[in-house]
Amino acid sequence: VVMYFPYLRGRQNELLCLRELLEVDRLYSTIIPIIEPVRCNSTFFTTLKKFIEADRKIIIIKNPKVGKFRRDYEELKKKIEDETNEVKKKKLEETLINYKELLNNSHIISGYLCDDKVISQCLDGKKNVKDIVLINTGIDTFGYYEEYGSKLEAVYTFIPKDEDFKDEVFGETVILEDVYVKAKRNVDYIESPDELFSRNHLVYRKRGYVGFSDYSIVGDAYEESGFAPLAVAIHILYFGQKSELRVHHFVSESNENISDPARKFAEAMQNLLSWENFDIIPKTKGLQNLLDYYSNGKFPGLGVIKKCSIMHHLELIGKYLEVDE
């Protein structure tokens, strides 16, 4: 039944977004998230635990290409080796064992970003391809599928929107596309406040895919940390006239310098409240959170604003797919 696979990096706010949706039962069963972990920390593992407790599946990328997960993990192992206090050492060892148990739980599906190493491990039988998800972010791995086809049949294979590629893949394929047009600066969204986000939810079946995947309103590019922007922008997804997904950018107005982000948030929210579609779009948990911060005169911080927008997106599309079933 699952159809939508949002691809998120495991930064704090992305993880909290999933956890909060699970807690209020708004992460619909039509969604399996993919997390490319960027830190090996308790927030990440608590999130896995929540999925296991809720009896929900999640795909975790075991060979992350961004962030510090691997480094954090090695540092934890070294810390255990160097620890002289037995009590502390034991505690750290238990943490590591717990982490491994969580990662090996049956609710956690192992995902791999396809590269030469992963492909050869699948062909050598070092990885059981029948148990994993293979993610091709570009067409550079196409040749392997041309050559080995059925030997690379995974639980799901994610590929770019490409007919030739799809012809060579055996088993269940999912479109992975970065559909978000990311502006260089927030202030640039003023130029194009309303844009098409995606039609993949309308066409994926017709084109023979079992599902679709995107990077929500974050985009594929990974940035370690943000910086203070001139403008505050809130990105809200909604369905257009023909059920296509559109994104509207609500941008602050006092954008001369980086001071007073709280005021900028209020300006962006006022633009949202006076938007002609405001009354008809579903008041999801994420959107309601933004409205609550605004009406309480609180500035939640830029990371939380983004978290609320992603929550809104996931709930909106999850609900749509559930009805569509």
Protein backbone atom coordinates (compact mmCIF):
# COMPACT_ATOMS: atom_id res chain seq x y z
CA VAL A 1 0.00 0.00 0.00
CA VAL A 2 2.92 2.34 0.69
CA MET A 3 3.35 4.88 -2.08
CA TYR A 4 5.30 7.85 -0.83
CA PHE A 5 8.88 7.70 0.41
CA PRO A 6 10.01 11.14 1.61
CA TYR A 7 13.80 11.31 1.60
CA LEU A 8 15.06 13.25 4.62
CA ARG A 9 18.47 13.84 6.13
CA GLY A 10 18.61 12.93 9.80
CA ARG A 11 19.05 16.41 11.16
CA GLN A 12 17.33 17.16 14.44
CA ASN A 13 14.31 18.92 12.96
CA GLU A 14 13.69 16.29 10.29
CA LEU A 15 13.75 13.58 12.95
CA LEU A 16 11.45 15.55 15.25
CA CYS A 17 9.09 16.13 12.34
CA LEU A 18 8.64 12.36 11.93
CA ARG A 19 8.38 11.75 15.67
CA GLU A 20 5.72 14.39 16.17
CA LEU A 21 3.66 13.08 13.27
CA LEU A 22 3.88 9.54 14.70
CA GLU A 23 2.84 10.77 18.16
CA VAL A 24 -0.37 12.36 16.87
CA ASP A 25 -0.99 9.53 14.40
CA ARG A 26 -0.68 11.73 11.31
CA LEU A 27 2.07 9.81 9.58
CA TYR A 28 -0.24 7.82 7.36
CA SER A 29 0.45 4.21 6.45
CA THR A 30 0.84 5.30 2.82
CA ILE A 31 4.26 6.70 3.79
CA ILE A 32 7.60 5.07 4.55
CA PRO A 33 10.24 7.72 5.25
CA ILE A 34 13.88 7.34 4.24
CA ILE A 35 16.48 8.76 6.56
CA GLU A 36 20.07 9.36 5.54
CA PRO A 37 21.54 9.73 9.04
CA VAL A 38 23.92 12.64 9.52
CA ARG A 39 24.66 12.20 13.24
CA CYS A 40 25.02 9.12 15.41
CA ASN A 41 23.19 10.45 18.45
CA SER A 42 20.33 9.74 20.80
CA THR A 43 17.82 11.83 18.80
CA PHE A 44 18.36 9.54 15.81
CA PHE A 45 18.05 6.33 17.81
CA THR A 46 15.04 7.53 19.81
CA THR A 47 13.34 8.18 16.47
CA LEU A 48 14.03 4.60 15.36
CA LYS A 49 12.63 3.38 18.65
CA LYS A 50 9.42 5.36 18.09
CA PHE A 51 8.94 3.71 14.68
CA ILE A 52 9.48 0.26 16.17
CA GLU A 53 7.03 0.96 19.02
CA ALA A 54 4.45 2.25 16.55
CA ASP A 55 4.94 -0.90 14.43
CA ARG A 56 5.97 1.22 11.45
CA LYS A 57 8.69 0.71 8.91
CA ILE A 58 11.42 3.20 8.05
CA ILE A 59 14.27 2.97 5.55
CA ILE A 60 17.69 3.88 6.97
CA ILE A 61 20.59 4.51 4.63
CA LYS A 62 23.50 2.42 5.85
CA ASN A 63 26.13 4.14 3.69
CA PRO A 64 25.35 7.83 4.19
CA LYS A 65 27.26 10.19 1.91
CA VAL A 66 26.74 13.40 3.90
CA GLY A 67 27.05 14.40 7.54
CA LYS A 68 29.13 12.88 10.36
CA PHE A 69 27.35 9.64 11.21
CA ARG A 70 30.31 7.36 10.52
CA ARG A 71 32.71 9.65 12.34
CA ASP A 72 30.42 9.88 15.38
CA TYR A 73 30.14 6.09 15.43
CA GLU A 74 33.91 5.59 15.29
CA GLU A 75 34.36 8.21 18.01
CA LEU A 76 31.94 6.36 20.28
CA LYS A 77 33.90 3.12 19.78
CA LYS A 78 37.16 4.90 20.55
CA LYS A 79 35.63 6.49 23.63
CA ILE A 80 34.76 2.99 24.89
CA GLU A 81 38.33 1.78 24.28
CA ASP A 82 39.83 4.79 26.07
CA GLU A 83 37.44 4.83 29.04
CA THR A 84 39.21 3.73 32.25
CA ASN A 85 36.25 4.02 34.59
CA GLU A 86 34.55 0.60 34.42
CA VAL A 87 31.06 1.91 35.24
CA LYS A 88 31.22 4.53 32.50
CA LYS A 89 32.75 2.04 30.09
CA LYS A 90 29.92 -0.42 30.67
CA LYS A 91 27.35 2.30 30.14
CA LEU A 92 28.89 3.32 26.83
CA GLU A 93 29.10 -0.32 25.74
CA GLU A 94 25.41 -0.78 26.50
CA THR A 95 24.58 2.31 24.45
CA LEU A 96 26.48 0.86 21.50
CA ILE A 97 24.76 -2.53 21.83
CA ASN A 98 21.36 -0.78 21.96
CA TYR A 99 22.20 1.23 18.87
CA LYS A 100 23.13 -1.92 16.96
CA GLU A 101 19.98 -3.73 18.09
CA LEU A 102 17.81 -0.84 16.92
CA LEU A 103 19.52 -0.74 13.53
CA ASN A 104 19.00 -4.47 13.12
CA ASN A 105 15.33 -4.44 14.10
CA SER A 106 12.95 -5.87 11.49
CA HIS A 107 11.10 -2.53 11.21
CA ILE A 108 14.28 -0.91 9.96
CA ILE A 109 14.80 -1.53 6.26
CA SER A 110 18.41 -1.14 5.15
CA GLY A 111 18.83 1.26 2.26
CA TYR A 112 22.00 1.78 0.25
CA LEU A 113 22.97 4.62 -2.03
CA CYS A 114 24.15 2.75 -5.11
CA ASP A 115 27.82 2.93 -5.92
CA ASP A 116 30.40 0.48 -7.26
CA LYS A 117 31.07 -0.94 -3.80
CA VAL A 118 27.41 -1.65 -2.96
CA ILE A 119 26.71 -3.16 -6.37
CA SER A 120 29.69 -5.51 -6.12
CA GLN A 121 28.69 -6.54 -2.57
CA CYS A 122 25.24 -7.43 -3.92
CA LEU A 123 26.70 -9.42 -6.80
CA ASP A 124 29.19 -11.23 -4.50
CA GLY A 125 26.40 -12.18 -2.10
CA LYS A 126 27.93 -10.10 0.73
CA LYS A 127 24.63 -8.24 0.88
CA ASN A 128 21.35 -10.03 0.37
CA VAL A 129 19.81 -7.86 -2.31
CA LYS A 130 16.35 -9.34 -1.60
CA ASP A 131 16.33 -7.70 1.86
CA ILE A 132 17.47 -4.20 1.01
CA VAL A 133 16.48 -1.04 -0.81
CA LEU A 134 18.78 0.28 -3.53
CA ILE A 135 18.76 4.01 -4.19
CA ASN A 136 20.08 5.40 -7.47
CA THR A 137 20.18 9.18 -7.19
CA GLY A 138 21.49 9.65 -10.72
CA ILE A 139 21.87 7.68 -13.93
CA ASP A 140 25.55 6.87 -13.40
CA THR A 141 24.71 3.35 -12.12
CA PHE A 142 22.49 2.56 -15.12
CA GLY A 143 25.11 0.27 -16.69
CA TYR A 144 24.93 -2.18 -13.80
CA TYR A 145 21.22 -2.69 -14.32
CA GLU A 146 21.73 -3.12 -18.05
CA GLU A 147 24.27 -5.82 -17.35
CA TYR A 148 22.95 -7.59 -14.23
CA GLY A 149 19.22 -6.75 -14.25
CA SER A 150 17.50 -9.48 -12.27
CA LYS A 151 20.50 -10.08 -9.99
CA LEU A 152 19.92 -6.62 -8.55
CA GLU A 153 16.24 -7.06 -7.75
CA ALA A 154 15.81 -5.38 -4.34
CA VAL A 155 12.81 -4.80 -2.06
CA TYR A 156 12.49 -1.42 -3.79
CA THR A 157 14.75 0.21 -6.34
CA PHE A 158 14.74 3.99 -6.45
CA ILE A 159 15.67 5.50 -9.77
CA PRO A 160 15.54 8.90 -11.45
CA LYS A 161 12.54 9.58 -13.65
CA ASP A 162 13.97 7.81 -16.67
CA GLU A 163 12.23 5.35 -18.97
CA ASP A 164 15.43 3.65 -20.17
CA PHE A 165 16.59 3.10 -16.60
CA LYS A 166 13.20 1.72 -15.61
CA ASP A 167 13.24 -0.79 -18.47
CA GLU A 168 16.34 -2.44 -17.02
CA VAL A 169 15.20 -2.66 -13.40
CA PHE A 170 13.54 -5.82 -12.10
CA GLY A 171 11.01 -5.67 -9.27
CA GLU A 172 9.40 -2.69 -7.60
CA THR A 173 10.63 0.70 -8.80
CA VAL A 174 10.13 4.09 -7.20
CA ILE A 175 10.68 7.50 -8.87
CA LEU A 176 13.15 9.61 -6.92
CA GLU A 177 13.14 13.21 -8.02
CA ASP A 178 14.26 16.47 -6.45
CA VAL A 179 11.16 18.45 -7.40
CA TYR A 180 11.77 21.50 -5.24
CA VAL A 181 13.03 24.64 -6.96
CA LYS A 182 15.34 26.00 -4.31
CA ALA A 183 16.12 29.71 -4.49
CA LYS A 184 19.63 30.95 -3.76
CA ARG A 185 18.31 33.24 -1.04
CA ASN A 186 14.96 33.38 0.75
CA VAL A 187 14.39 36.89 -0.52
CA ASP A 188 14.42 35.51 -4.10
CA TYR A 189 11.15 33.64 -3.48
CA ILE A 190 9.39 37.00 -3.73
CA GLU A 191 10.02 36.83 -7.51
CA SER A 192 8.14 33.54 -7.91
CA PRO A 193 5.84 33.10 -4.91
CA ASP A 194 3.85 30.20 -6.33
CA GLU A 195 5.32 27.24 -8.20
CA LEU A 196 4.52 23.75 -9.35
CA PHE A 197 6.00 21.25 -6.91
CA SER A 198 5.17 17.88 -8.45
CA ARG A 199 2.74 15.75 -10.41
CA ASN A 200 4.40 12.44 -9.54
CA HIS A 201 1.57 11.44 -7.18
CA LEU A 202 -0.78 11.64 -10.19
CA VAL A 203 1.33 9.80 -12.77
CA TYR A 204 3.57 7.30 -10.96
CA ARG A 205 1.18 4.35 -11.37
CA LYS A 206 0.44 5.07 -15.01
CA ARG A 207 4.16 4.99 -15.63
CA GLY A 208 4.59 1.64 -13.91
CA TYR A 209 6.17 2.75 -10.64
CA VAL A 210 4.96 1.50 -7.25
CA GLY A 211 5.71 4.78 -5.55
CA PHE A 212 7.45 8.14 -5.65
CA SER A 213 10.05 9.90 -3.58
CA ASP A 214 11.33 13.46 -3.16
CA TYR A 215 13.28 15.65 -0.75
CA SER A 216 10.21 17.61 0.40
CA ILE A 217 10.81 21.36 0.65
CA VAL A 218 14.46 20.89 1.60
CA GLY A 219 15.87 19.77 -1.73
CA ASP A 220 18.68 17.35 -2.40
CA ALA A 221 21.58 19.68 -1.55
CA TYR A 222 22.82 19.09 1.99
CA GLU A 223 23.95 22.01 4.09
CA GLU A 224 25.49 21.32 7.47
CA SER A 225 23.99 24.40 9.09
CA GLY A 226 22.04 27.44 8.05
CA PHE A 227 23.05 31.05 8.39
CA ALA A 228 21.00 34.10 9.33
CA PRO A 229 19.01 35.02 6.20
CA LEU A 230 17.82 38.47 5.15
CA ALA A 231 14.28 37.15 4.72
CA VAL A 232 12.18 34.54 6.50
CA ALA A 233 10.28 32.29 4.09
CA ILE A 234 7.55 29.77 4.91
CA HIS A 235 6.89 27.15 2.22
CA ILE A 236 3.39 25.68 2.19
CA LEU A 237 2.29 22.89 -0.12
CA TYR A 238 -1.24 22.63 -1.42
CA PHE A 239 -3.19 20.96 -4.23
CA GLY A 240 -3.86 23.05 -7.33
CA GLN A 241 -6.89 23.01 -9.65
CA LYS A 242 -5.88 19.73 -11.29
CA SER A 243 -4.73 18.00 -8.08
CA GLU A 244 -1.10 18.80 -8.87
CA LEU A 245 1.04 19.70 -5.85
CA ARG A 246 2.03 23.35 -5.70
CA VAL A 247 4.17 25.24 -3.25
CA HIS A 248 3.52 28.79 -2.11
CA HIS A 249 6.33 30.83 -0.53
CA PHE A 250 5.32 33.36 2.10
CA VAL A 251 8.15 35.81 2.58
CA SER A 252 8.81 38.54 5.12
CA GLU A 253 8.93 42.18 4.06
CA SER A 254 11.51 43.93 6.24
CA ASN A 255 14.44 42.30 4.45
CA GLU A 256 17.08 45.05 4.49
CA ASN A 257 19.30 43.30 7.04
CA ILE A 258 19.40 40.17 9.22
CA SER A 259 18.06 41.75 12.40
CA ASP A 260 14.76 40.86 14.10
CA PRO A 261 13.87 37.45 12.65
CA ALA A 262 10.83 37.32 14.97
CA ARG A 263 9.31 40.30 13.21
CA LYS A 264 10.07 38.69 9.84
CA PHE A 265 8.32 35.49 10.92
CA ALA A 266 5.25 37.54 11.87
CA GLU A 267 5.27 39.27 8.47
CA ALA A 268 5.52 35.97 6.60
CA MET A 269 2.68 34.58 8.72
CA GLN A 270 0.51 37.62 7.98
CA ASN A 271 1.06 36.94 4.27
CA LEU A 272 -0.02 33.34 4.85
CA LEU A 273 -3.17 34.39 6.73
CA SER A 274 -4.20 36.82 4.01
CA TRP A 275 -3.57 34.30 1.18
CA GLU A 276 -6.67 33.63 -0.92
CA ASN A 277 -6.35 29.84 -0.45
CA PHE A 278 -5.81 30.00 3.30
CA ASP A 279 -9.36 28.98 4.24
CA ILE A 280 -9.50 25.98 1.95
CA ILE A 281 -6.18 24.27 2.67
CA PRO A 282 -6.27 21.54 5.34
CA LYS A 283 -5.09 22.70 8.75
CA THR A 284 -2.56 19.93 9.27
CA LYS A 285 -0.62 19.48 12.50
CA GLY A 286 2.39 21.26 10.98
CA LEU A 287 0.35 24.23 9.78
CA GLN A 288 -1.53 24.40 13.10
CA ASN A 289 1.80 24.53 14.95
CA LEU A 290 2.87 27.55 12.88
CA LEU A 291 -0.45 29.27 13.54
CA ASP A 292 -0.10 28.59 17.27
CA TYR A 293 3.44 30.06 17.41
CA TYR A 294 2.19 33.13 15.59
CA SER A 295 -0.93 33.68 17.70
CA ASN A 296 1.13 33.26 20.89
CA GLY A 297 3.61 35.83 19.63
CA LYS A 298 6.44 33.27 19.63
CA PHE A 299 9.28 33.02 17.14
CA PRO A 300 10.09 29.27 17.02
CA GLY A 301 13.39 29.60 15.13
CA LEU A 302 14.13 28.87 11.48
CA GLY A 303 14.69 25.12 11.92
CA VAL A 304 11.29 24.66 13.55
CA ILE A 305 9.57 26.67 10.80
CA LYS A 306 11.07 24.27 8.26
CA LYS A 307 10.07 21.28 10.42
CA CYS A 308 6.44 22.49 10.48
CA SER A 309 6.42 22.90 6.68
CA ILE A 310 7.70 19.35 6.17
CA MET A 311 5.14 18.02 8.66
CA HIS A 312 2.43 19.81 6.69
CA HIS A 313 3.68 18.30 3.42
CA LEU A 314 3.83 14.72 4.76
CA GLU A 315 0.41 14.87 6.36
CA LEU A 316 -1.15 16.46 3.27
CA ILE A 317 0.17 13.86 0.84
CA GLY A 318 -0.33 10.94 3.24
CA LYS A 319 -3.99 11.79 3.63
CA TYR A 320 -4.44 12.31 -0.10
CA LEU A 321 -2.96 8.87 -0.88
CA GLU A 322 -5.03 7.20 1.81
CA VAL A 323 -8.24 8.53 0.21
CA ASP A 324 -6.88 7.70 -3.23
CA GLU A 325 -6.48 4.03 -2.25
